[in-house]
Protein backbone atom coordinates (compact mmCIF):
# COMPACT_ATOMS: atom_id res chain seq x y z
CA MET A 1 14.68 -10.51 22.16
CA ASN A 2 12.00 -9.45 24.74
CA LYS A 3 13.63 -5.74 24.86
CA LYS A 4 13.62 -5.52 21.33
CA ILE A 5 9.96 -6.86 21.23
CA ILE A 6 8.79 -4.15 23.58
CA LEU A 7 10.79 -1.50 22.00
CA THR A 8 8.89 -2.31 18.74
CA LEU A 9 5.50 -2.65 20.20
CA THR A 10 6.20 1.53 22.07
CA ALA A 11 7.53 2.66 18.95
CA LEU A 12 4.35 1.75 17.00
CA PHE A 13 2.18 3.03 20.10
CA VAL A 14 3.66 6.63 20.34
CA SER A 15 3.44 6.67 16.33
CA PHE A 16 -0.11 5.97 16.65
CA THR A 17 -0.45 8.47 19.25
CA SER A 18 1.31 11.09 17.36
CA ILE A 19 -0.79 10.57 14.38
CA TYR A 20 -4.43 10.48 16.35
CA ALA A 21 -3.21 13.55 18.17
CA GLN A 22 -3.25 15.45 14.54
CA THR A 23 -6.64 14.41 13.75
CA GLY A 24 -8.73 13.32 16.56
CA GLY A 25 -11.24 15.30 17.44
CA LYS A 26 -10.86 18.18 14.38
CA GLU A 27 -12.10 18.54 11.20
CA SER A 28 -11.55 16.34 8.57
CA ARG A 29 -8.47 16.50 6.69
CA VAL A 30 -9.81 14.69 3.67
CA ALA A 31 -7.70 15.77 0.51
CA THR A 32 -4.63 17.70 2.17
CA THR A 33 -1.86 15.14 1.73
CA ALA A 34 0.25 14.27 -1.14
CA ALA A 35 0.64 11.15 -2.99
CA PRO A 36 -2.93 9.39 -2.33
CA PHE A 37 -1.99 5.61 -3.95
CA LEU A 38 0.12 5.20 -1.08
CA THR A 39 -3.43 4.58 0.36
CA LEU A 40 -4.95 2.55 -1.72
CA GLY A 41 -4.01 -0.85 -1.30
CA VAL A 42 -1.66 -3.16 -4.15
CA GLY A 43 -3.47 -6.90 -4.96
CA ALA A 44 -6.43 -8.33 -5.80
CA LYS A 45 -6.32 -10.74 -2.26
CA GLY A 46 -6.07 -7.85 0.02
CA ALA A 47 -8.62 -6.30 -2.24
CA ALA A 48 -11.32 -8.79 -1.96
CA LEU A 49 -10.67 -8.81 2.04
CA GLY A 50 -12.38 -5.04 2.31
CA ASN A 51 -8.16 -3.59 2.29
CA ALA A 52 -8.08 -5.86 5.93
CA ASN A 53 -4.96 -7.16 4.25
CA SER A 54 -2.13 -6.26 6.94
CA VAL A 55 -2.53 -8.56 9.58
CA TYR A 56 -2.54 -12.08 7.17
CA VAL A 57 -0.63 -11.50 4.51
CA SER A 58 3.29 -13.04 3.17
CA GLY A 59 5.60 -13.30 0.63
CA ALA A 60 6.09 -10.41 -2.12
CA GLU A 61 3.21 -9.55 -1.36
CA ALA A 62 3.98 -7.87 1.51
CA LEU A 63 5.97 -5.48 0.78
CA PHE A 64 2.84 -2.98 0.40
CA TRP A 65 1.22 -3.81 3.16
CA ASN A 66 2.76 -5.23 6.16
CA PRO A 67 7.07 -5.01 6.28
CA ALA A 68 6.81 -7.97 8.53
CA GLY A 69 5.06 -10.86 6.49
CA ILE A 70 8.08 -11.01 4.39
CA SER A 71 9.52 -13.12 6.82
CA ILE A 72 6.43 -15.77 7.17
CA GLU A 73 6.84 -19.24 5.83
CA ASN A 74 4.63 -18.92 2.38
CA LYS A 75 3.19 -22.49 1.06
CA GLY A 76 5.39 -24.61 3.34
CA ASN A 77 9.45 -23.76 4.24
CA SER A 78 9.32 -21.33 1.27
CA PHE A 79 10.40 -18.30 1.86
CA GLY A 80 11.35 -16.42 -1.91
CA SER A 81 8.31 -15.31 -3.56
CA THR A 82 7.35 -13.04 -6.94
CA PHE A 83 4.13 -11.05 -7.09
CA ILE A 84 2.78 -9.57 -9.65
CA SER A 85 -0.66 -7.42 -9.89
CA VAL A 86 -2.78 -5.46 -12.43
CA ASN A 87 -5.94 -3.21 -11.19
CA GLN A 88 -7.43 -2.29 -13.80
CA TYR A 89 -9.14 1.72 -11.99
CA PHE A 90 -11.67 3.79 -13.27
CA VAL A 91 -11.35 6.28 -16.26
CA ASP A 92 -8.48 4.53 -17.79
CA VAL A 93 -5.98 4.30 -14.80
CA ASP A 94 -4.19 1.39 -14.63
CA ILE A 95 -2.04 0.23 -10.99
CA TYR A 96 0.58 -2.35 -11.34
CA GLY A 97 2.02 -3.52 -8.68
CA THR A 98 5.84 -6.10 -8.80
CA GLY A 99 8.10 -7.19 -5.98
CA ILE A 100 10.69 -10.13 -4.76
CA VAL A 101 11.42 -11.58 -2.04
CA ILE A 102 14.24 -13.94 -1.19
CA PRO A 103 15.96 -15.39 1.97
CA VAL A 104 19.20 -14.16 3.31
CA GLY A 105 19.65 -15.79 6.76
CA LYS A 106 20.61 -19.57 7.01
CA LYS A 107 17.24 -20.61 8.96
CA GLY A 108 15.38 -18.58 7.06
CA GLY A 109 13.63 -16.42 9.27
CA GLN A 110 15.71 -12.93 7.66
CA SER A 111 14.14 -11.44 4.26
CA ILE A 112 14.98 -9.10 2.02
CA GLY A 113 12.29 -7.11 -1.26
CA ILE A 114 11.87 -4.89 -3.62
CA GLY A 115 8.47 -3.33 -4.39
CA LEU A 116 6.61 -1.44 -7.80
CA ASN A 117 3.92 0.59 -7.05
CA TYR A 118 3.13 2.54 -9.96
CA VAL A 119 0.01 4.30 -11.23
CA ASP A 120 -0.42 4.85 -15.05
CA TYR A 121 -3.16 7.79 -15.36
CA GLY A 122 -2.50 7.77 -19.36
CA ARG A 123 -1.73 10.44 -22.40
CA MET A 124 -3.89 13.17 -22.18
CA ASP A 125 -4.39 16.14 -24.78
CA VAL A 126 -2.55 19.27 -24.46
CA ARG A 127 -4.98 22.26 -24.17
CA THR A 128 -4.25 26.10 -23.59
CA VAL A 129 -7.25 28.75 -23.52
CA GLU A 130 -6.20 29.95 -27.44
CA MET A 131 -6.43 25.99 -28.37
CA GLN A 132 -9.02 24.34 -26.33
CA GLU A 133 -9.49 21.18 -28.75
CA GLY A 134 -6.09 20.52 -28.09
CA THR A 135 -3.13 21.13 -29.90
CA GLY A 136 -1.64 17.87 -31.26
CA ALA A 137 0.44 17.15 -28.21
CA THR A 138 0.07 15.24 -25.27
CA PHE A 139 1.71 14.59 -22.00
CA GLY A 140 0.85 11.34 -19.34
CA ALA A 141 0.97 11.56 -15.31
CA HIS A 142 2.13 8.76 -13.29
CA ASP A 143 2.53 7.85 -9.52
CA LEU A 144 5.53 5.91 -8.38
CA SER A 145 6.69 3.93 -5.09
CA LEU A 146 9.74 2.04 -5.27
CA GLY A 147 10.61 0.08 -2.12
CA LEU A 148 13.37 -1.67 -0.54
CA THR A 149 12.87 -3.83 2.76
CA TYR A 150 14.06 -5.89 5.36
CA ALA A 151 12.24 -8.22 7.97
CA GLN A 152 13.32 -10.81 9.92
CA ASN A 153 12.00 -13.07 13.15
CA LEU A 154 12.74 -12.02 16.29
CA THR A 155 10.93 -14.74 18.17
CA ASP A 156 10.03 -17.75 15.99
CA ASP A 157 6.56 -15.82 16.66
CA PHE A 158 6.97 -12.66 16.40
CA HIS A 159 8.56 -10.62 13.02
CA PHE A 160 8.89 -7.18 12.11
CA GLY A 161 10.36 -5.60 9.06
CA THR A 162 10.20 -2.16 7.53
CA SER A 163 10.70 -0.71 4.22
CA VAL A 164 12.43 2.36 3.01
CA LYS A 165 11.03 3.69 -0.37
CA LEU A 166 11.04 6.28 -3.06
CA VAL A 167 7.91 7.99 -3.88
CA GLN A 168 7.02 9.91 -6.88
CA GLN A 169 4.32 12.00 -8.26
CA LYS A 170 4.81 13.58 -11.75
CA ILE A 171 2.30 15.02 -14.65
CA TYR A 172 3.94 16.90 -17.14
CA ASP A 173 7.11 18.75 -16.48
CA MET A 174 6.35 18.65 -12.65
CA VAL A 175 7.42 16.41 -10.32
CA ALA A 176 7.75 15.24 -6.72
CA GLU A 177 9.57 13.22 -4.60
CA ALA A 178 10.35 12.12 -1.47
CA VAL A 179 11.90 9.19 0.85
CA ALA A 180 9.29 7.67 3.26
CA ILE A 181 9.35 4.81 5.46
CA ASP A 182 7.57 1.86 6.42
CA MET A 183 7.40 -0.47 9.73
CA GLY A 184 5.77 -3.26 10.81
CA PHE A 185 4.89 -6.53 12.79
CA LEU A 186 2.87 -9.43 13.34
CA LEU A 187 2.52 -11.35 16.63
CA LYS A 188 1.07 -15.17 16.11
CA THR A 189 -0.56 -17.06 19.39
CA ASP A 190 -1.89 -20.02 20.66
CA TYR A 191 -5.19 -18.21 21.34
CA LEU A 192 -8.05 -19.06 19.24
CA ASN A 193 -6.74 -21.75 16.98
CA GLY A 194 -3.91 -19.52 16.38
CA LEU A 195 -4.76 -15.39 16.65
CA VAL A 196 -2.52 -13.83 14.89
CA ILE A 197 -2.08 -9.38 15.77
CA GLY A 198 -0.28 -7.38 13.48
CA ALA A 199 0.26 -3.62 13.85
CA SER A 200 1.73 -0.83 10.49
CA ILE A 201 2.84 2.67 10.27
CA THR A 202 3.28 2.67 6.35
CA ASN A 203 3.97 6.61 4.69
CA PHE A 204 6.61 7.73 7.39
CA GLY A 205 9.03 10.94 5.78
CA ARG A 206 9.33 14.65 4.40
CA ASP A 207 6.61 16.90 2.78
CA MET A 208 6.62 16.45 -1.00
CA THR A 209 6.58 19.61 -3.06
CA MET A 210 6.18 20.15 -6.90
CA SER A 211 8.72 21.57 -9.39
CA GLY A 212 9.32 21.55 -12.74
CA ILE A 213 9.73 23.96 -15.60
CA ASN A 214 6.51 25.20 -15.41
CA THR A 215 6.84 26.86 -12.15
CA GLU A 216 9.80 29.33 -13.53
CA THR A 217 9.30 32.81 -14.67
CA TYR A 218 11.39 35.94 -15.96
CA VAL A 219 12.06 38.35 -12.67
CA ASP A 220 12.57 42.58 -13.51
CA LEU A 221 14.39 43.26 -9.67
CA ASP A 222 13.95 47.28 -10.39
CA THR A 223 11.12 48.05 -12.45
CA GLN A 224 12.02 51.08 -12.35
CA SER A 225 15.43 51.42 -13.93
CA GLU A 226 16.35 51.50 -17.18
CA GLY A 227 18.70 49.22 -18.71
CA ASN A 228 18.90 46.48 -15.98
CA ASN A 229 18.22 43.04 -16.47
CA ASP A 230 14.32 42.23 -16.80
CA GLY A 231 15.56 38.18 -18.04
CA ILE A 232 16.42 36.92 -14.89
CA ILE A 233 15.11 33.13 -13.95
CA GLY A 234 13.15 32.61 -11.05
CA ASN A 235 11.07 29.87 -9.00
CA VAL A 236 7.54 30.39 -7.71
CA LYS A 237 7.36 28.83 -4.33
CA LEU A 238 5.12 25.98 -3.98
CA ASP A 239 3.48 24.57 -1.12
CA ASN A 240 4.83 21.40 1.14
CA TRP A 241 2.03 18.56 0.91
CA GLU A 242 2.54 16.43 3.71
CA LEU A 243 2.43 12.61 2.74
CA PRO A 244 -0.62 10.03 4.02
CA LEU A 245 0.74 8.67 7.19
CA SER A 246 -1.01 5.64 8.18
CA PHE A 247 -1.22 3.66 11.22
CA LYS A 248 -2.83 0.24 11.48
CA PHE A 249 -4.04 -2.27 14.23
CA GLY A 250 -5.67 -5.74 13.41
CA MET A 251 -6.23 -9.00 13.67
CA MET A 252 -6.95 -12.82 12.23
CA VAL A 253 -9.36 -15.16 13.90
CA PRO A 254 -9.40 -18.66 12.85
CA ALA A 255 -12.84 -19.63 13.26
CA ILE A 256 -12.87 -22.56 11.76
CA LYS A 257 -9.47 -24.24 11.42
CA ARG A 258 -9.70 -27.78 9.66
CA LYS A 259 -7.56 -30.49 7.61
CA ASN A 260 -9.17 -29.06 4.34
CA LEU A 261 -11.58 -26.11 6.00
CA GLU A 262 -10.54 -23.06 7.47
CA TRP A 263 -12.41 -19.82 7.77
CA LEU A 264 -10.37 -16.76 8.72
CA LEU A 265 -11.71 -13.48 9.92
CA LEU A 266 -10.26 -10.19 9.64
CA THR A 267 -10.73 -6.59 11.00
CA GLU A 268 -8.17 -3.62 11.14
CA MET A 269 -8.76 -0.45 12.83
CA GLN A 270 -6.86 2.39 10.43
CA GLN A 271 -5.63 5.89 11.95
CA THR A 272 -4.35 8.16 8.84
CA ASN A 273 -3.80 11.80 9.28
CA ASP A 274 -5.61 12.89 6.68
CA ASN A 275 -9.01 11.61 8.10
CA GLN A 276 -10.75 10.06 10.81
CA LEU A 277 -10.45 6.74 12.36
CA ASN A 278 -11.29 3.95 10.33
CA LEU A 279 -11.77 0.04 10.20
CA ASP A 280 -11.66 -2.45 7.83
CA SER A 281 -13.33 -5.77 7.96
CA GLY A 282 -12.96 -9.29 5.79
CA THR A 283 -12.96 -13.31 6.25
CA GLU A 284 -11.89 -15.53 4.09
CA LEU A 285 -13.23 -19.38 3.39
CA SER A 286 -10.77 -22.12 2.43
CA TYR A 287 -10.60 -25.50 0.79
CA VAL A 288 -7.05 -26.95 1.72
CA SER A 289 -5.24 -30.51 0.32
CA ASN A 290 -1.97 -31.37 -0.08
CA THR A 291 -1.11 -29.54 -4.04
CA VAL A 292 -4.03 -27.22 -3.88
CA LYS A 293 -5.54 -24.22 -1.61
CA PHE A 294 -8.97 -22.23 -3.46
CA HIS A 295 -9.79 -19.06 -1.75
CA VAL A 296 -13.40 -17.39 -1.89
CA ARG A 297 -13.33 -13.94 -0.37
CA ALA A 298 -15.47 -10.67 0.50
CA GLY A 299 -14.75 -7.78 2.72
CA TYR A 300 -15.83 -4.12 3.85
CA LYS A 301 -14.14 -1.51 3.93
CA ASP A 302 -14.11 2.27 5.03
CA LEU A 303 -17.33 1.16 8.16
CA PHE A 304 -16.93 4.50 9.86
CA LEU A 305 -16.55 6.50 6.49
CA GLY A 306 -20.12 5.89 5.84
CA ASN A 307 -21.38 7.70 2.61
CA ASN A 308 -18.15 9.73 2.25
CA VAL A 309 -16.69 7.21 0.16
CA ASP A 310 -17.92 5.20 -2.92
CA SER A 311 -17.27 2.00 -2.64
CA HIS A 312 -17.88 0.09 0.89
CA PHE A 313 -18.08 -4.04 -0.42
CA THR A 314 -15.62 -5.63 -2.44
CA TYR A 315 -15.32 -9.89 -2.65
CA GLY A 316 -13.18 -12.21 -4.53
CA THR A 317 -11.17 -15.11 -4.89
CA GLY A 318 -8.46 -17.22 -5.63
CA PHE A 319 -6.14 -20.35 -5.65
CA THR A 320 -2.42 -21.63 -4.70
CA LEU A 321 -1.40 -24.69 -6.71
CA LYS A 322 1.83 -26.95 -5.08
CA THR A 323 3.68 -28.73 -8.29
CA SER A 324 6.32 -31.87 -6.89
CA ASN A 325 9.53 -29.79 -7.05
CA GLY A 326 7.88 -27.58 -4.48
CA ILE A 327 7.64 -24.70 -5.98
CA ALA A 328 3.81 -23.07 -5.57
CA ILE A 329 1.85 -20.92 -8.32
CA GLY A 330 -1.10 -18.80 -7.47
CA VAL A 331 -3.84 -16.54 -9.00
CA ASP A 332 -6.13 -14.07 -6.96
CA PHE A 333 -9.36 -11.83 -8.39
CA ALA A 334 -11.05 -9.42 -6.58
CA GLN A 335 -13.70 -7.11 -8.00
CA VAL A 336 -14.42 -3.95 -5.69
CA PRO A 337 -17.91 -2.31 -6.65
CA PHE A 338 -18.06 1.58 -7.10
CA ASP A 339 -21.54 3.11 -7.05
CA TYR A 340 -20.81 6.04 -9.33
CA LEU A 341 -17.82 5.20 -10.76
CA GLY A 342 -18.87 1.34 -12.40
CA GLN A 343 -17.00 -1.70 -11.09
CA THR A 344 -12.84 -2.17 -11.00
CA SER A 345 -10.94 -5.33 -11.29
CA ILE A 346 -8.14 -7.23 -9.79
CA ILE A 347 -5.78 -9.64 -10.38
CA ASP A 348 -2.55 -11.12 -9.14
CA VAL A 349 -0.20 -13.86 -10.45
CA LYS A 350 2.23 -15.03 -7.25
CA LEU A 351 5.29 -17.75 -7.04
CA TYR A 352 6.06 -19.22 -4.30
CA TYR A 353 9.53 -20.92 -4.37
């Protein structure tokens, strides 16, 4: 078992070294990857914590942050869960996330899950050079990630998980698809009231390339000859775009851990292949009873990116209610204020069983 842990940590360290070698000490590669929606995060809790959520996550929500988290008990000996998130983003963009996790091992140490992340850009008018006010037709655009996740406890305190997901971007009649892999681990310790250490590598996969009818064109293979076929259909070759490969390493420290009160401090380092090393931090203050948990959260994201991003502070609340039959229901809410683009609101509903 110790060999599995060592191999897991070694694989994640090699992955981080590879990502850092691509970006460390070089000019910024911002806007050089496809599917940037994969780096936004899914869910109100993670957003309220400034995206420092990869090391403090469990249940179906973990499908979008750290796959190892789906093998962690939820709200008292419960491994099954369902998660739904709605994010009212700016400029009429909506982001949806949903997932389900079920235990498959006899002792609850193994779990599988399915997660869907969908970004809807709405309908837009088709415009041409001749009809700049619109042709009367409309088109849509969306981003999608659909993944299958498996996780298990390698020991009582060490959790490992991996996901395989289909990533798709579509606009009008053009589409790009790729298959990607996520991996992560969580390690619980007895130090500092229960320090938790975690890491994840996400979006490891092949490049994406747009294709569709808009790349088709008629080709005349021999313009110097008459009578040949000048209507052969060819395709314009488009550039390949890398996925936003990301490595996160973080920790969660319970600063206060009493019967009815918990205060957690979280911080995560993040390195992506299209940006510089970054830091996200968050905190959560919780009132805890046998039937109710109430949370107040705040975070500060993208510390090292400074003015290169439009939003840093985040905040939110949440509560979990445990019913008499052992089922727990949770609701989370978050606000992410943008300097130029206004407020964005996120609400989640969770079910543990």
